[in-house]
Amino acid sequence: MGQCEDKTCMPSSADHNSPPEGRNVGVIRELGELPSGTIITEKALGRVFDRHLVSIKRAIERGELPPSIRLFGEPVWTVKALQEHFNKRMEEAQKEVDRMKEKINKLGA
């Protein structure tokens, strides 16, 4: 897991650059391991997802990430806000799959 610097939790550079033996590439554990009230900075989120800050900003514009709030002039989120956003998007995706299945069933009947 990461270390806390400047009172915000961030994965350490060792976590970010060299995943431990057996760690699945593409599996993001850090958010799930942090308490829900943890404040995470834009820079830390970029490290968690291994993305440039511009990519984080674009993901917000596309709705893939929720809008941030500003704290001391910096964009931040709570882990809970990120998790709730991801869960909502997953529910919406499942509803879309269910609607598509229903349409296919009606066409086949």
C-alpha atoms as a PDB file:
ATOM      1  CA  MET A   1       0.000   0.000   0.000  1.00  0.00           C
ATOM      2  CA  GLY A   2       1.033   3.619  -0.308  1.00  0.00           C
ATOM      3  CA  GLN A   3       2.316   6.195   2.083  1.00  0.00           C
ATOM      4  CA  CYS A   4       0.803   9.455   3.271  1.00  0.00           C
ATOM      5  CA  GLU A   5       2.562  12.639   2.218  1.00  0.00           C
ATOM      6  CA  ASP A   6       1.337  16.183   2.820  1.00  0.00           C
ATOM      7  CA  LYS A   7      -1.677  14.703   4.673  1.00  0.00           C
ATOM      8  CA  THR A   8      -3.062  13.048   1.529  1.00  0.00           C
ATOM      9  CA  CYS A   9      -2.671   9.349   0.895  1.00  0.00           C
ATOM     10  CA  MET A  10      -0.751   8.431  -2.216  1.00  0.00           C
ATOM     11  CA  PRO A  11       0.706   5.189  -3.445  1.00  0.00           C
ATOM     12  CA  SER A  12       4.460   5.177  -3.012  1.00  0.00           C
ATOM     13  CA  SER A  13       6.645   5.277  -6.093  1.00  0.00           C
ATOM     14  CA  ALA A  14       7.645   1.657  -5.429  1.00  0.00           C
ATOM     15  CA  ASP A  15       3.953   0.626  -5.564  1.00  0.00           C
ATOM     16  CA  HIS A  16       3.441   2.647  -8.723  1.00  0.00           C
ATOM     17  CA  ASN A  17       6.490   1.695 -10.748  1.00  0.00           C
ATOM     18  CA  SER A  18       7.045  -1.957  -9.924  1.00  0.00           C
ATOM     19  CA  PRO A  19       4.041  -4.104  -9.046  1.00  0.00           C
ATOM     20  CA  PRO A  20       4.797  -6.956  -6.650  1.00  0.00           C
ATOM     21  CA  GLU A  21       5.223 -10.474  -7.997  1.00  0.00           C
ATOM     22  CA  GLY A  22       1.843 -11.959  -8.848  1.00  0.00           C
ATOM     23  CA  ARG A  23      -0.028  -8.635  -8.871  1.00  0.00           C
ATOM     24  CA  ASN A  24      -2.510  -8.455 -11.695  1.00  0.00           C
ATOM     25  CA  VAL A  25      -1.729  -5.652 -14.091  1.00  0.00           C
ATOM     26  CA  GLY A  26      -4.779  -3.410 -14.433  1.00  0.00           C
ATOM     27  CA  VAL A  27      -6.168  -4.252 -10.977  1.00  0.00           C
ATOM     28  CA  ILE A  28      -6.601  -1.105  -8.913  1.00  0.00           C
ATOM     29  CA  ARG A  29      -6.525  -2.116  -5.235  1.00  0.00           C
ATOM     30  CA  GLU A  30      -5.395   1.170  -3.728  1.00  0.00           C
ATOM     31  CA  LEU A  31      -8.833   2.809  -3.738  1.00  0.00           C
ATOM     32  CA  GLY A  32     -10.423  -0.241  -2.148  1.00  0.00           C
ATOM     33  CA  GLU A  33      -7.797  -0.379   0.570  1.00  0.00           C
ATOM     34  CA  LEU A  34      -8.127   3.260   1.643  1.00  0.00           C
ATOM     35  CA  PRO A  35     -10.790   4.372   4.154  1.00  0.00           C
ATOM     36  CA  SER A  36     -13.823   5.907   2.426  1.00  0.00           C
ATOM     37  CA  GLY A  37     -13.172   9.337   3.932  1.00  0.00           C
ATOM     38  CA  THR A  38      -9.632   9.518   2.606  1.00  0.00           C
ATOM     39  CA  ILE A  39      -8.995  12.621   0.533  1.00  0.00           C
ATOM     40  CA  ILE A  40      -7.150  11.856  -2.670  1.00  0.00           C
ATOM     41  CA  THR A  41      -5.504  14.514  -4.812  1.00  0.00           C
ATOM     42  CA  GLU A  42      -5.547  14.718  -8.582  1.00  0.00           C
ATOM     43  CA  LYS A  43      -1.859  13.804  -8.649  1.00  0.00           C
ATOM     44  CA  ALA A  44      -2.468  10.752  -6.440  1.00  0.00           C
ATOM     45  CA  LEU A  45      -5.390   9.664  -8.615  1.00  0.00           C
ATOM     46  CA  GLY A  46      -3.139   9.897 -11.649  1.00  0.00           C
ATOM     47  CA  ARG A  47      -0.642   7.648  -9.897  1.00  0.00           C
ATOM     48  CA  VAL A  48      -3.311   5.150  -8.848  1.00  0.00           C
ATOM     49  CA  PHE A  49      -4.544   4.819 -12.436  1.00  0.00           C
ATOM     50  CA  ASP A  50      -1.086   5.281 -13.965  1.00  0.00           C
ATOM     51  CA  ARG A  51      -2.342   8.213 -16.040  1.00  0.00           C
ATOM     52  CA  HIS A  52      -1.120  11.737 -16.767  1.00  0.00           C
ATOM     53  CA  LEU A  53      -3.010  14.614 -15.119  1.00  0.00           C
ATOM     54  CA  VAL A  54      -4.386  15.652 -18.517  1.00  0.00           C
ATOM     55  CA  SER A  55      -5.935  12.186 -18.854  1.00  0.00           C
ATOM     56  CA  ILE A  56      -7.558  12.578 -15.424  1.00  0.00           C
ATOM     57  CA  LYS A  57      -9.046  15.927 -16.482  1.00  0.00           C
ATOM     58  CA  ARG A  58     -10.352  14.408 -19.740  1.00  0.00           C
ATOM     59  CA  ALA A  59     -11.890  11.484 -17.843  1.00  0.00           C
ATOM     60  CA  ILE A  60     -13.812  14.014 -15.750  1.00  0.00           C
ATOM     61  CA  GLU A  61     -15.040  15.775 -18.910  1.00  0.00           C
ATOM     62  CA  ARG A  62     -16.234  12.408 -20.305  1.00  0.00           C
ATOM     63  CA  GLY A  63     -17.996  11.559 -17.052  1.00  0.00           C
ATOM     64  CA  GLU A  64     -15.693   8.626 -16.336  1.00  0.00           C
ATOM     65  CA  LEU A  65     -14.629  10.331 -13.108  1.00  0.00           C
ATOM     66  CA  PRO A  66     -16.823  12.546 -10.936  1.00  0.00           C
ATOM     67  CA  PRO A  67     -16.162  16.271 -10.705  1.00  0.00           C
ATOM     68  CA  SER A  68     -13.618  17.168  -8.044  1.00  0.00           C
ATOM     69  CA  ILE A  69     -13.893  19.772  -5.328  1.00  0.00           C
ATOM     70  CA  ARG A  70     -11.162  22.259  -4.553  1.00  0.00           C
ATOM     71  CA  LEU A  71      -9.251  22.109  -1.314  1.00  0.00           C
ATOM     72  CA  PHE A  72      -6.494  24.665  -0.826  1.00  0.00           C
ATOM     73  CA  GLY A  73      -6.706  25.365  -4.544  1.00  0.00           C
ATOM     74  CA  GLU A  74      -6.159  21.735  -5.549  1.00  0.00           C
ATOM     75  CA  PRO A  75      -8.688  19.331  -7.073  1.00  0.00           C
ATOM     76  CA  VAL A  76      -9.516  16.497  -4.648  1.00  0.00           C
ATOM     77  CA  TRP A  77     -12.043  13.695  -4.118  1.00  0.00           C
ATOM     78  CA  THR A  78     -12.883  11.366  -1.286  1.00  0.00           C
ATOM     79  CA  VAL A  79     -12.460   7.669  -1.933  1.00  0.00           C
ATOM     80  CA  LYS A  80     -16.187   7.289  -1.181  1.00  0.00           C
ATOM     81  CA  ALA A  81     -17.140   9.816  -3.888  1.00  0.00           C
ATOM     82  CA  LEU A  82     -15.043   7.934  -6.445  1.00  0.00           C
ATOM     83  CA  GLN A  83     -16.448   4.542  -5.432  1.00  0.00           C
ATOM     84  CA  GLU A  84     -20.046   5.824  -5.525  1.00  0.00           C
ATOM     85  CA  HIS A  85     -19.457   7.252  -8.992  1.00  0.00           C
ATOM     86  CA  PHE A  86     -18.016   3.958 -10.254  1.00  0.00           C
ATOM     87  CA  ASN A  87     -20.897   1.985  -8.712  1.00  0.00           C
ATOM     88  CA  LYS A  88     -23.471   4.290 -10.312  1.00  0.00           C
ATOM     89  CA  ARG A  89     -21.813   3.886 -13.714  1.00  0.00           C
ATOM     90  CA  MET A  90     -21.794   0.093 -13.292  1.00  0.00           C
ATOM     91  CA  GLU A  91     -25.513   0.112 -12.431  1.00  0.00           C
ATOM     92  CA  GLU A  92     -26.237   2.264 -15.503  1.00  0.00           C
ATOM     93  CA  ALA A  93     -24.225  -0.092 -17.703  1.00  0.00           C
ATOM     94  CA  GLN A  94     -26.149  -3.101 -16.348  1.00  0.00           C
ATOM     95  CA  LYS A  95     -29.470  -1.365 -17.034  1.00  0.00           C
ATOM     96  CA  GLU A  96     -28.358  -0.723 -20.607  1.00  0.00           C
ATOM     97  CA  VAL A  97     -27.438  -4.405 -21.030  1.00  0.00           C
ATOM     98  CA  ASP A  98     -30.837  -5.415 -19.633  1.00  0.00           C
ATOM     99  CA  ARG A  99     -32.632  -3.032 -22.041  1.00  0.00           C
ATOM    100  CA  MET A 100     -30.681  -4.430 -24.978  1.00  0.00           C
ATOM    101  CA  LYS A 101     -31.513  -8.029 -23.979  1.00  0.00           C
ATOM    102  CA  GLU A 102     -35.178  -7.080 -23.735  1.00  0.00           C
ATOM    103  CA  LYS A 103     -35.116  -5.558 -27.233  1.00  0.00           C
ATOM    104  CA  ILE A 104     -33.404  -8.641 -28.641  1.00  0.00           C
ATOM    105  CA  ASN A 105     -35.964 -10.918 -26.985  1.00  0.00           C
ATOM    106  CA  LYS A 106     -38.867  -8.878 -28.431  1.00  0.00           C
ATOM    107  CA  LEU A 107     -37.358  -9.040 -31.911  1.00  0.00           C
ATOM    108  CA  GLY A 108     -36.858 -12.794 -31.636  1.00  0.00           C
ATOM    109  CA  ALA A 109     -40.398 -13.474 -30.392  1.00  0.00           C
END
